[in-house]
Amino acid sequence: MKERIRAAFLEMTPEDVDAATLGTEDAVGYVEATDSDYDVIRDLVDTLDLDLEQLANQ
């Protein structure tokens, strides 16, 4: 089931996706992300010395 949902999102064409769905008029679909795509967020968390556990419990 998880794979079918993933595939459905990745196979969407611009005609299938509207601005309300993606929250922007410039988006044309979805792409698969990798773990390393989030490294910039991890770096920012480290740079700002954020405590994610504390933030999550607010």
C-alpha atoms as a PDB file:
ATOM      1  CA  MET A   1       0.000   0.000   0.000  1.00  0.00           C
ATOM      2  CA  LYS A   2       2.786   2.426   0.930  1.00  0.00           C
ATOM      3  CA  GLU A   3       4.475   1.848  -2.432  1.00  0.00           C
ATOM      4  CA  ARG A   4       1.221   2.405  -4.332  1.00  0.00           C
ATOM      5  CA  ILE A   5       0.648   5.743  -2.592  1.00  0.00           C
ATOM      6  CA  ARG A   6       4.262   6.794  -3.237  1.00  0.00           C
ATOM      7  CA  ALA A   7       3.977   5.843  -6.902  1.00  0.00           C
ATOM      8  CA  ALA A   8       0.674   7.704  -7.281  1.00  0.00           C
ATOM      9  CA  PHE A   9       2.234  10.941  -6.051  1.00  0.00           C
ATOM     10  CA  LEU A  10       5.363  10.567  -8.175  1.00  0.00           C
ATOM     11  CA  GLU A  11       3.349   9.806 -11.320  1.00  0.00           C
ATOM     12  CA  MET A  12       1.193  12.926 -11.055  1.00  0.00           C
ATOM     13  CA  THR A  13       1.360  15.282 -14.002  1.00  0.00           C
ATOM     14  CA  PRO A  14       1.010  19.065 -13.787  1.00  0.00           C
ATOM     15  CA  GLU A  15      -2.612  18.630 -14.869  1.00  0.00           C
ATOM     16  CA  ASP A  16      -3.211  16.393 -11.833  1.00  0.00           C
ATOM     17  CA  VAL A  17      -1.783  18.907  -9.368  1.00  0.00           C
ATOM     18  CA  ASP A  18      -3.294  22.258  -8.492  1.00  0.00           C
ATOM     19  CA  ALA A  19      -1.938  25.164  -6.462  1.00  0.00           C
ATOM     20  CA  ALA A  20      -4.218  24.361  -3.538  1.00  0.00           C
ATOM     21  CA  THR A  21      -2.779  20.861  -3.289  1.00  0.00           C
ATOM     22  CA  LEU A  22       0.852  21.938  -3.205  1.00  0.00           C
ATOM     23  CA  GLY A  23       0.398  25.381  -1.686  1.00  0.00           C
ATOM     24  CA  THR A  24       2.121  27.187  -4.551  1.00  0.00           C
ATOM     25  CA  GLU A  25       1.301  28.116  -8.121  1.00  0.00           C
ATOM     26  CA  ASP A  26       4.811  27.260  -9.326  1.00  0.00           C
ATOM     27  CA  ALA A  27       4.765  23.584  -8.367  1.00  0.00           C
ATOM     28  CA  VAL A  28       4.182  20.999 -11.057  1.00  0.00           C
ATOM     29  CA  GLY A  29       4.364  17.751  -9.101  1.00  0.00           C
ATOM     30  CA  TYR A  30       6.271  15.729  -6.570  1.00  0.00           C
ATOM     31  CA  VAL A  31       9.782  14.281  -6.568  1.00  0.00           C
ATOM     32  CA  GLU A  32      11.203  11.581  -4.356  1.00  0.00           C
ATOM     33  CA  ALA A  33      13.385  12.877  -1.538  1.00  0.00           C
ATOM     34  CA  THR A  34      16.428  11.194  -0.071  1.00  0.00           C
ATOM     35  CA  ASP A  35      17.659  11.375   3.495  1.00  0.00           C
ATOM     36  CA  SER A  36      20.538  13.614   2.418  1.00  0.00           C
ATOM     37  CA  ASP A  37      18.025  16.173   1.079  1.00  0.00           C
ATOM     38  CA  TYR A  38      17.366  17.034   4.722  1.00  0.00           C
ATOM     39  CA  ASP A  39      21.017  17.636   5.608  1.00  0.00           C
ATOM     40  CA  VAL A  40      20.537  21.376   5.150  1.00  0.00           C
ATOM     41  CA  ILE A  41      17.837  21.289   7.850  1.00  0.00           C
ATOM     42  CA  ARG A  42      20.069  19.283  10.163  1.00  0.00           C
ATOM     43  CA  ASP A  43      22.892  21.765   9.607  1.00  0.00           C
ATOM     44  CA  LEU A  44      20.565  24.659  10.396  1.00  0.00           C
ATOM     45  CA  VAL A  45      19.397  22.958  13.600  1.00  0.00           C
ATOM     46  CA  ASP A  46      23.034  22.531  14.658  1.00  0.00           C
ATOM     47  CA  THR A  47      23.971  26.100  13.695  1.00  0.00           C
ATOM     48  CA  LEU A  48      21.053  27.558  15.652  1.00  0.00           C
ATOM     49  CA  ASP A  49      21.661  25.118  18.519  1.00  0.00           C
ATOM     50  CA  LEU A  50      17.995  24.109  18.523  1.00  0.00           C
ATOM     51  CA  ASP A  51      16.630  21.448  20.854  1.00  0.00           C
ATOM     52  CA  LEU A  52      14.180  19.629  18.585  1.00  0.00           C
ATOM     53  CA  GLU A  53      12.765  17.502  21.388  1.00  0.00           C
ATOM     54  CA  GLN A  54      11.958  20.619  23.397  1.00  0.00           C
ATOM     55  CA  LEU A  55      10.403  22.287  20.363  1.00  0.00           C
ATOM     56  CA  ALA A  56       8.300  19.203  19.611  1.00  0.00           C
ATOM     57  CA  ASN A  57       6.878  19.211  23.152  1.00  0.00           C
ATOM     58  CA  GLN A  58       5.740  22.823  23.130  1.00  0.00           C
END
